[in-house]
Amino acid sequence: MPHGTLDVMKIDEQPLTYQIMFEQNPGGTYVARVEPEELVTFMTEEMRVDLPVAEDAAQKAAAEGRARIGDVFLEENNLHAAMEYLEDED
C-alpha cells in the first residue's frame, strides 16, 4: 500500500470515538475505531504515520469532525500490524 488518503472521522456517540481509515482506492480499508486519547498514539505507533501528520489529522478531526490527509505513505506491513493488534484486542 504505497500512497493513499488518511481519513479520520469523529463519531459523536457516547463515548466519543474516532474512525480511522486508510484509502488507497475508493471504498478504503477500515483500520480502527479509537477513543480520543488514543488517536495520535494509534496512528503513530500502530500505523507508523509520521507524528506531525497524525497530530494535524487529530486536531482537524476534533475541530471540524473529519480530516482527510492525502498522499500519505503507509507500508502494507504496518497496516497488517495494526489489524493484528486490533484482532488481539477483541
PDB file of N, CA and C in Angstrom:
ATOM      1  N   MET A   1       0.839  -1.177   0.000  1.00  0.00           N
ATOM      2  CA  MET A   1       0.000   0.000   0.000  1.00  0.00           C
ATOM      3  C   MET A   1       0.882   1.237   0.000  1.00  0.00           C
ATOM      4  N   PRO A   2       1.214   1.746  -1.103  1.00  0.00           N
ATOM      5  CA  PRO A   2       2.115   2.901  -1.087  1.00  0.00           C
ATOM      6  C   PRO A   2       1.440   4.174  -0.595  1.00  0.00           C
ATOM      7  N   HIS A   3       0.922   4.981  -1.472  1.00  0.00           N
ATOM      8  CA  HIS A   3       0.337   6.261  -1.084  1.00  0.00           C
ATOM      9  C   HIS A   3      -1.179   6.183  -1.124  1.00  0.00           C
ATOM     10  N   GLY A   4      -1.796   6.910  -0.219  1.00  0.00           N
ATOM     11  CA  GLY A   4      -3.244   6.936  -0.166  1.00  0.00           C
ATOM     12  C   GLY A   4      -3.700   8.098   0.684  1.00  0.00           C
ATOM     13  N   THR A   5      -4.936   8.050   1.119  1.00  0.00           N
ATOM     14  CA  THR A   5      -5.539   9.110   1.917  1.00  0.00           C
ATOM     15  C   THR A   5      -5.849   8.586   3.312  1.00  0.00           C
ATOM     16  N   LEU A   6      -5.379   9.311   4.303  1.00  0.00           N
ATOM     17  CA  LEU A   6      -5.711   9.014   5.688  1.00  0.00           C
ATOM     18  C   LEU A   6      -6.996   9.756   6.001  1.00  0.00           C
ATOM     19  N   ASP A   7      -8.007   9.040   6.438  1.00  0.00           N
ATOM     20  CA  ASP A   7      -9.323   9.625   6.704  1.00  0.00           C
ATOM     21  C   ASP A   7      -9.671   9.375   8.165  1.00  0.00           C
ATOM     22  N   VAL A   8      -9.780  10.457   8.944  1.00  0.00           N
ATOM     23  CA  VAL A   8     -10.101  10.367  10.368  1.00  0.00           C
ATOM     24  C   VAL A   8     -11.428  11.086  10.581  1.00  0.00           C
ATOM     25  N   MET A   9     -12.416  10.375  11.129  1.00  0.00           N
ATOM     26  CA  MET A   9     -13.740  10.954  11.315  1.00  0.00           C
ATOM     27  C   MET A   9     -14.176  10.836  12.775  1.00  0.00           C
ATOM     28  N   LYS A  10     -14.666  11.938  13.324  1.00  0.00           N
ATOM     29  CA  LYS A  10     -15.172  11.947  14.698  1.00  0.00           C
ATOM     30  C   LYS A  10     -16.576  11.355  14.704  1.00  0.00           C
ATOM     31  N   ILE A  11     -16.793  10.386  15.586  1.00  0.00           N
ATOM     32  CA  ILE A  11     -18.103   9.760  15.744  1.00  0.00           C
ATOM     33  C   ILE A  11     -18.698  10.287  17.047  1.00  0.00           C
ATOM     34  N   ASP A  12     -19.695  11.132  16.921  1.00  0.00           N
ATOM     35  CA  ASP A  12     -20.293  11.794  18.081  1.00  0.00           C
ATOM     36  C   ASP A  12     -21.320  10.898  18.771  1.00  0.00           C
ATOM     37  N   GLU A  13     -20.839   9.847  19.356  1.00  0.00           N
ATOM     38  CA  GLU A  13     -21.677   8.970  20.158  1.00  0.00           C
ATOM     39  C   GLU A  13     -21.092   8.973  21.558  1.00  0.00           C
ATOM     40  N   GLN A  14     -21.745   8.328  22.462  1.00  0.00           N
ATOM     41  CA  GLN A  14     -21.194   8.187  23.804  1.00  0.00           C
ATOM     42  C   GLN A  14     -20.676   6.776  23.974  1.00  0.00           C
ATOM     43  N   PRO A  15     -19.423   6.553  24.212  1.00  0.00           N
ATOM     44  CA  PRO A  15     -18.380   7.569  24.320  1.00  0.00           C
ATOM     45  C   PRO A  15     -17.917   8.028  22.935  1.00  0.00           C
ATOM     46  N   LEU A  16     -17.361   9.222  22.890  1.00  0.00           N
ATOM     47  CA  LEU A  16     -16.823   9.786  21.667  1.00  0.00           C
ATOM     48  C   LEU A  16     -15.688   8.903  21.154  1.00  0.00           C
ATOM     49  N   THR A  17     -15.702   8.594  19.855  1.00  0.00           N
ATOM     50  CA  THR A  17     -14.631   7.817  19.245  1.00  0.00           C
ATOM     51  C   THR A  17     -14.258   8.428  17.903  1.00  0.00           C
ATOM     52  N   TYR A  18     -13.145   7.959  17.356  1.00  0.00           N
ATOM     53  CA  TYR A  18     -12.711   8.368  16.029  1.00  0.00           C
ATOM     54  C   TYR A  18     -12.549   7.134  15.168  1.00  0.00           C
ATOM     55  N   GLN A  19     -13.050   7.214  13.956  1.00  0.00           N
ATOM     56  CA  GLN A  19     -12.886   6.139  12.993  1.00  0.00           C
ATOM     57  C   GLN A  19     -11.705   6.508  12.105  1.00  0.00           C
ATOM     58  N   ILE A  20     -10.756   5.590  11.935  1.00  0.00           N
ATOM     59  CA  ILE A  20      -9.581   5.833  11.116  1.00  0.00           C
ATOM     60  C   ILE A  20      -9.628   4.895   9.916  1.00  0.00           C
ATOM     61  N   MET A  21      -9.456   5.450   8.729  1.00  0.00           N
ATOM     62  CA  MET A  21      -9.369   4.645   7.518  1.00  0.00           C
ATOM     63  C   MET A  21      -8.144   5.080   6.727  1.00  0.00           C
ATOM     64  N   PHE A  22      -7.580   4.146   5.991  1.00  0.00           N
ATOM     65  CA  PHE A  22      -6.535   4.466   5.039  1.00  0.00           C
ATOM     66  C   PHE A  22      -7.048   4.014   3.693  1.00  0.00           C
ATOM     67  N   GLU A  23      -7.210   4.960   2.766  1.00  0.00           N
ATOM     68  CA  GLU A  23      -7.800   4.652   1.468  1.00  0.00           C
ATOM     69  C   GLU A  23      -6.746   4.728   0.378  1.00  0.00           C
ATOM     70  N   GLN A  24      -6.506   3.596  -0.263  1.00  0.00           N
ATOM     71  CA  GLN A  24      -5.657   3.610  -1.445  1.00  0.00           C
ATOM     72  C   GLN A  24      -6.541   3.666  -2.680  1.00  0.00           C
ATOM     73  N   ASN A  25      -7.771   3.195  -2.551  1.00  0.00           N
ATOM     74  CA  ASN A  25      -8.720   3.224  -3.650  1.00  0.00           C
ATOM     75  C   ASN A  25     -10.106   3.477  -3.064  1.00  0.00           C
ATOM     76  N   PRO A  26     -11.083   3.806  -3.889  1.00  0.00           N
ATOM     77  CA  PRO A  26     -12.421   4.065  -3.368  1.00  0.00           C
ATOM     78  C   PRO A  26     -12.926   2.911  -2.513  1.00  0.00           C
ATOM     79  N   GLY A  27     -13.530   3.240  -1.415  1.00  0.00           N
ATOM     80  CA  GLY A  27     -14.037   2.226  -0.504  1.00  0.00           C
ATOM     81  C   GLY A  27     -13.155   2.064   0.719  1.00  0.00           C
ATOM     82  N   GLY A  28     -11.871   2.252   0.517  1.00  0.00           N
ATOM     83  CA  GLY A  28     -10.935   2.284   1.632  1.00  0.00           C
ATOM     84  C   GLY A  28     -10.740   0.964   2.347  1.00  0.00           C
ATOM     85  N   THR A  29      -9.897   1.031   3.324  1.00  0.00           N
ATOM     86  CA  THR A  29      -9.612  -0.100   4.184  1.00  0.00           C
ATOM     87  C   THR A  29      -9.874   0.350   5.610  1.00  0.00           C
ATOM     88  N   TYR A  30     -10.836  -0.245   6.274  1.00  0.00           N
ATOM     89  CA  TYR A  30     -11.149   0.119   7.640  1.00  0.00           C
ATOM     90  C   TYR A  30     -10.011  -0.314   8.535  1.00  0.00           C
ATOM     91  N   VAL A  31      -9.561   0.590   9.369  1.00  0.00           N
ATOM     92  CA  VAL A  31      -8.450   0.270  10.245  1.00  0.00           C
ATOM     93  C   VAL A  31      -8.889   0.187  11.692  1.00  0.00           C
ATOM     94  N   ALA A  32      -9.483   1.230  12.223  1.00  0.00           N
ATOM     95  CA  ALA A  32      -9.742   1.214  13.659  1.00  0.00           C
ATOM     96  C   ALA A  32     -10.809   2.215  14.059  1.00  0.00           C
ATOM     97  N   ARG A  33     -11.321   1.979  15.259  1.00  0.00           N
ATOM     98  CA  ARG A  33     -12.171   2.946  15.944  1.00  0.00           C
ATOM     99  C   ARG A  33     -11.565   3.110  17.323  1.00  0.00           C
ATOM    100  N   VAL A  34     -11.078   4.324  17.622  1.00  0.00           N
ATOM    101  CA  VAL A  34     -10.334   4.542  18.862  1.00  0.00           C
ATOM    102  C   VAL A  34     -10.904   5.718  19.642  1.00  0.00           C
ATOM    103  N   GLU A  35     -10.599   5.740  20.924  1.00  0.00           N
ATOM    104  CA  GLU A  35     -11.007   6.840  21.791  1.00  0.00           C
ATOM    105  C   GLU A  35     -10.082   8.024  21.569  1.00  0.00           C
ATOM    106  N   PRO A  36     -10.540   9.239  21.883  1.00  0.00           N
ATOM    107  CA  PRO A  36      -9.763  10.450  21.598  1.00  0.00           C
ATOM    108  C   PRO A  36      -8.337  10.423  22.139  1.00  0.00           C
ATOM    109  N   GLU A  37      -8.153   9.946  23.364  1.00  0.00           N
ATOM    110  CA  GLU A  37      -6.818   9.971  23.952  1.00  0.00           C
ATOM    111  C   GLU A  37      -5.866   8.963  23.306  1.00  0.00           C
ATOM    112  N   GLU A  38      -6.383   8.037  22.504  1.00  0.00           N
ATOM    113  CA  GLU A  38      -5.556   7.033  21.837  1.00  0.00           C
ATOM    114  C   GLU A  38      -5.297   7.356  20.366  1.00  0.00           C
ATOM    115  N   LEU A  39      -5.924   8.401  19.850  1.00  0.00           N
ATOM    116  CA  LEU A  39      -5.910   8.669  18.416  1.00  0.00           C
ATOM    117  C   LEU A  39      -4.501   8.866  17.851  1.00  0.00           C
ATOM    118  N   VAL A  40      -3.756   9.822  18.356  1.00  0.00           N
ATOM    119  CA  VAL A  40      -2.423  10.102  17.818  1.00  0.00           C
ATOM    120  C   VAL A  40      -1.490   8.920  18.068  1.00  0.00           C
ATOM    121  N   THR A  41      -1.557   8.359  19.246  1.00  0.00           N
ATOM    122  CA  THR A  41      -0.695   7.220  19.580  1.00  0.00           C
ATOM    123  C   THR A  41      -0.949   6.051  18.645  1.00  0.00           C
ATOM    124  N   PHE A  42      -2.217   5.754  18.368  1.00  0.00           N
ATOM    125  CA  PHE A  42      -2.531   4.640  17.471  1.00  0.00           C
ATOM    126  C   PHE A  42      -1.971   4.895  16.083  1.00  0.00           C
ATOM    127  N   MET A  43      -2.173   6.105  15.578  1.00  0.00           N
ATOM    128  CA  MET A  43      -1.683   6.403  14.224  1.00  0.00           C
ATOM    129  C   MET A  43      -0.162   6.336  14.142  1.00  0.00           C
ATOM    130  N   THR A  44       0.528   6.840  15.156  1.00  0.00           N
ATOM    131  CA  THR A  44       1.992   6.858  15.092  1.00  0.00           C
ATOM    132  C   THR A  44       2.614   5.513  15.441  1.00  0.00           C
ATOM    133  N   GLU A  45       2.129   4.855  16.476  1.00  0.00           N
ATOM    134  CA  GLU A  45       2.760   3.624  16.921  1.00  0.00           C
ATOM    135  C   GLU A  45       2.289   2.383  16.164  1.00  0.00           C
ATOM    136  N   GLU A  46       1.007   2.284  15.882  1.00  0.00           N
ATOM    137  CA  GLU A  46       0.487   1.081  15.223  1.00  0.00           C
ATOM    138  C   GLU A  46       0.505   1.184  13.707  1.00  0.00           C
ATOM    139  N   MET A  47       0.222   2.374  13.162  1.00  0.00           N
ATOM    140  CA  MET A  47       0.175   2.544  11.715  1.00  0.00           C
ATOM    141  C   MET A  47       1.465   3.131  11.161  1.00  0.00           C
ATOM    142  N   ARG A  48       2.320   3.656  12.040  1.00  0.00           N
ATOM    143  CA  ARG A  48       3.603   4.270  11.664  1.00  0.00           C
ATOM    144  C   ARG A  48       3.423   5.524  10.810  1.00  0.00           C
ATOM    145  N   VAL A  49       2.355   6.267  11.080  1.00  0.00           N
ATOM    146  CA  VAL A  49       2.152   7.562  10.430  1.00  0.00           C
ATOM    147  C   VAL A  49       3.077   8.561  11.122  1.00  0.00           C
ATOM    148  N   ASP A  50       3.696   9.453  10.358  1.00  0.00           N
ATOM    149  CA  ASP A  50       4.583  10.458  10.939  1.00  0.00           C
ATOM    150  C   ASP A  50       3.827  11.300  11.964  1.00  0.00           C
ATOM    151  N   LEU A  51       4.493  11.632  13.070  1.00  0.00           N
ATOM    152  CA  LEU A  51       3.866  12.366  14.173  1.00  0.00           C
ATOM    153  C   LEU A  51       3.213  13.674  13.722  1.00  0.00           C
ATOM    154  N   PRO A  52       3.881  14.545  12.944  1.00  0.00           N
ATOM    155  CA  PRO A  52       3.208  15.792  12.544  1.00  0.00           C
ATOM    156  C   PRO A  52       1.933  15.549  11.733  1.00  0.00           C
ATOM    157  N   VAL A  53       1.928  14.528  10.902  1.00  0.00           N
ATOM    158  CA  VAL A  53       0.742  14.199  10.102  1.00  0.00           C
ATOM    159  C   VAL A  53      -0.378  13.710  11.022  1.00  0.00           C
ATOM    160  N   ALA A  54      -0.037  12.845  11.971  1.00  0.00           N
ATOM    161  CA  ALA A  54      -1.032  12.319  12.910  1.00  0.00           C
ATOM    162  C   ALA A  54      -1.617  13.432  13.773  1.00  0.00           C
ATOM    163  N   GLU A  55      -0.763  14.311  14.278  1.00  0.00           N
ATOM    164  CA  GLU A  55      -1.246  15.420  15.113  1.00  0.00           C
ATOM    165  C   GLU A  55      -2.140  16.357  14.320  1.00  0.00           C
ATOM    166  N   ASP A  56      -1.765  16.650  13.074  1.00  0.00           N
ATOM    167  CA  ASP A  56      -2.578  17.525  12.227  1.00  0.00           C
ATOM    168  C   ASP A  56      -3.947  16.896  11.962  1.00  0.00           C
ATOM    169  N   ALA A  57      -3.966  15.611  11.652  1.00  0.00           N
ATOM    170  CA  ALA A  57      -5.231  14.915  11.391  1.00  0.00           C
ATOM    171  C   ALA A  57      -6.113  14.900  12.634  1.00  0.00           C
ATOM    172  N   ALA A  58      -5.516  14.651  13.801  1.00  0.00           N
ATOM    173  CA  ALA A  58      -6.284  14.609  15.049  1.00  0.00           C
ATOM    174  C   ALA A  58      -6.874  15.978  15.382  1.00  0.00           C
ATOM    175  N   GLN A  59      -6.082  17.026  15.230  1.00  0.00           N
ATOM    176  CA  GLN A  59      -6.570  18.378  15.527  1.00  0.00           C
ATOM    177  C   GLN A  59      -7.692  18.782  14.579  1.00  0.00           C
ATOM    178  N   LYS A  60      -7.513  18.499  13.301  1.00  0.00           N
ATOM    179  CA  LYS A  60      -8.536  18.869  12.320  1.00  0.00           C
ATOM    180  C   LYS A  60      -9.823  18.066  12.543  1.00  0.00           C
ATOM    181  N   ALA A  61      -9.699  16.773  12.823  1.00  0.00           N
ATOM    182  CA  ALA A  61     -10.882  15.951  13.063  1.00  0.00           C
ATOM    183  C   ALA A  61     -11.628  16.413  14.312  1.00  0.00           C
ATOM    184  N   ALA A  62     -10.892  16.793  15.354  1.00  0.00           N
ATOM    185  CA  ALA A  62     -11.529  17.270  16.583  1.00  0.00           C
ATOM    186  C   ALA A  62     -12.279  18.570  16.342  1.00  0.00           C
ATOM    187  N   ALA A  63     -11.694  19.458  15.559  1.00  0.00           N
ATOM    188  CA  ALA A  63     -12.294  20.772  15.323  1.00  0.00           C
ATOM    189  C   ALA A  63     -13.402  20.741  14.278  1.00  0.00           C
ATOM    190  N   GLU A  64     -13.197  19.972  13.207  1.00  0.00           N
ATOM    191  CA  GLU A  64     -14.122  20.008  12.071  1.00  0.00           C
ATOM    192  C   GLU A  64     -14.958  18.750  11.898  1.00  0.00           C
ATOM    193  N   GLY A  65     -14.646  17.714  12.680  1.00  0.00           N
ATOM    194  CA  GLY A  65     -15.410  16.477  12.581  1.00  0.00           C
ATOM    195  C   GLY A  65     -14.807  15.450  11.643  1.00  0.00           C
ATOM    196  N   ARG A  66     -13.920  15.904  10.748  1.00  0.00           N
ATOM    197  CA  ARG A  66     -13.301  14.976   9.796  1.00  0.00           C
ATOM    198  C   ARG A  66     -12.014  15.568   9.266  1.00  0.00           C
ATOM    199  N   ALA A  67     -11.049  14.702   9.042  1.00  0.00           N
ATOM    200  CA  ALA A  67      -9.787  15.121   8.440  1.00  0.00           C
ATOM    201  C   ALA A  67      -9.413  14.131   7.357  1.00  0.00           C
ATOM    202  N   ARG A  68      -9.124  14.649   6.190  1.00  0.00           N
ATOM    203  CA  ARG A  68      -8.640  13.820   5.084  1.00  0.00           C
ATOM    204  C   ARG A  68      -7.276  14.363   4.686  1.00  0.00           C
ATOM    205  N   ILE A  69      -6.261  13.535   4.880  1.00  0.00           N
ATOM    206  CA  ILE A  69      -4.897  13.929   4.571  1.00  0.00           C
ATOM    207  C   ILE A  69      -4.428  13.069   3.406  1.00  0.00           C
ATOM    208  N   GLY A  70      -4.202  13.704   2.259  1.00  0.00           N
ATOM    209  CA  GLY A  70      -3.803  12.971   1.059  1.00  0.00           C
ATOM    210  C   GLY A  70      -2.315  12.713   0.991  1.00  0.00           C
ATOM    211  N   ASP A  71      -1.951  11.812   0.104  1.00  0.00           N
ATOM    212  CA  ASP A  71      -0.570  11.461  -0.201  1.00  0.00           C
ATOM    213  C   ASP A  71       0.202  10.992   1.032  1.00  0.00           C
ATOM    214  N   VAL A  72      -0.442  10.130   1.819  1.00  0.00           N
ATOM    215  CA  VAL A  72       0.193   9.538   2.996  1.00  0.00           C
ATOM    216  C   VAL A  72       0.771   8.190   2.589  1.00  0.00           C
ATOM    217  N   PHE A  73       1.992   7.926   3.003  1.00  0.00           N
ATOM    218  CA  PHE A  73       2.623   6.632   2.727  1.00  0.00           C
ATOM    219  C   PHE A  73       2.418   5.719   3.919  1.00  0.00           C
ATOM    220  N   LEU A  74       1.875   4.560   3.677  1.00  0.00           N
ATOM    221  CA  LEU A  74       1.675   3.573   4.731  1.00  0.00           C
ATOM    222  C   LEU A  74       2.073   2.219   4.176  1.00  0.00           C
ATOM    223  N   GLU A  75       3.156   1.678   4.680  1.00  0.00           N
ATOM    224  CA  GLU A  75       3.610   0.377   4.200  1.00  0.00           C
ATOM    225  C   GLU A  75       2.577  -0.686   4.523  1.00  0.00           C
ATOM    226  N   GLU A  76       2.430  -1.626   3.621  1.00  0.00           N
ATOM    227  CA  GLU A  76       1.420  -2.664   3.798  1.00  0.00           C
ATOM    228  C   GLU A  76       1.635  -3.444   5.094  1.00  0.00           C
ATOM    229  N   ASN A  77       2.900  -3.693   5.464  1.00  0.00           N
ATOM    230  CA  ASN A  77       3.130  -4.450   6.696  1.00  0.00           C
ATOM    231  C   ASN A  77       2.703  -3.658   7.926  1.00  0.00           C
ATOM    232  N   ASN A  78       2.723  -2.324   7.876  1.00  0.00           N
ATOM    233  CA  ASN A  78       2.251  -1.524   9.003  1.00  0.00           C
ATOM    234  C   ASN A  78       0.740  -1.635   9.157  1.00  0.00           C
ATOM    235  N   LEU A  79       0.034  -1.673   8.059  1.00  0.00           N
ATOM    236  CA  LEU A  79      -1.413  -1.839   8.124  1.00  0.00           C
ATOM    237  C   LEU A  79      -1.759  -3.215   8.678  1.00  0.00           C
ATOM    238  N   HIS A  80      -1.040  -4.235   8.229  1.00  0.00           N
ATOM    239  CA  HIS A  80      -1.302  -5.579   8.745  1.00  0.00           C
ATOM    240  C   HIS A  80      -1.010  -5.656  10.241  1.00  0.00           C
ATOM    241  N   ALA A  81       0.043  -4.985  10.689  1.00  0.00           N
ATOM    242  CA  ALA A  81       0.363  -4.961  12.117  1.00  0.00           C
ATOM    243  C   ALA A  81      -0.770  -4.317  12.901  1.00  0.00           C
ATOM    244  N   ALA A  82      -1.342  -3.241  12.377  1.00  0.00           N
ATOM    245  CA  ALA A  82      -2.456  -2.571  13.043  1.00  0.00           C
ATOM    246  C   ALA A  82      -3.671  -3.483  13.099  1.00  0.00           C
ATOM    247  N   MET A  83      -3.942  -4.190  12.024  1.00  0.00           N
ATOM    248  CA  MET A  83      -5.092  -5.083  12.007  1.00  0.00           C
ATOM    249  C   MET A  83      -4.896  -6.241  12.999  1.00  0.00           C
ATOM    250  N   GLU A  84      -3.666  -6.800  13.066  1.00  0.00           N
ATOM    251  CA  GLU A  84      -3.414  -7.879  14.007  1.00  0.00           C
ATOM    252  C   GLU A  84      -3.553  -7.379  15.444  1.00  0.00           C
ATOM    253  N   TYR A  85      -3.114  -6.163  15.707  1.00  0.00           N
ATOM    254  CA  TYR A  85      -3.236  -5.549  17.031  1.00  0.00           C
ATOM    255  C   TYR A  85      -4.704  -5.468  17.427  1.00  0.00           C
ATOM    256  N   LEU A  86      -5.546  -5.025  16.508  1.00  0.00           N
ATOM    257  CA  LEU A  86      -6.961  -4.889  16.799  1.00  0.00           C
ATOM    258  C   LEU A  86      -7.608  -6.249  17.010  1.00  0.00           C
ATOM    259  N   GLU A  87      -7.199  -7.255  16.246  1.00  0.00           N
ATOM    260  CA  GLU A  87      -7.753  -8.590  16.431  1.00  0.00           C
ATOM    261  C   GLU A  87      -7.395  -9.155  17.801  1.00  0.00           C
ATOM    262  N   ASP A  88      -6.172  -8.870  18.263  1.00  0.00           N
ATOM    263  CA  ASP A  88      -5.743  -9.329  19.578  1.00  0.00           C
ATOM    264  C   ASP A  88      -6.537  -8.678  20.700  1.00  0.00           C
ATOM    265  N   GLU A  89      -7.019  -7.445  20.471  1.00  0.00           N
ATOM    266  CA  GLU A  89      -7.783  -6.701  21.479  1.00  0.00           C
ATOM    267  C   GLU A  89      -9.167  -7.313  21.689  1.00  0.00           C
ATOM    268  N   ASP A  90      -9.726  -7.949  20.634  1.00  0.00           N
ATOM    269  CA  ASP A  90     -11.105  -8.489  20.713  1.00  0.00           C
ATOM    270  C   ASP A  90     -11.223  -9.671  21.587  1.00  0.00           C
TER     271      ASP A  90
END
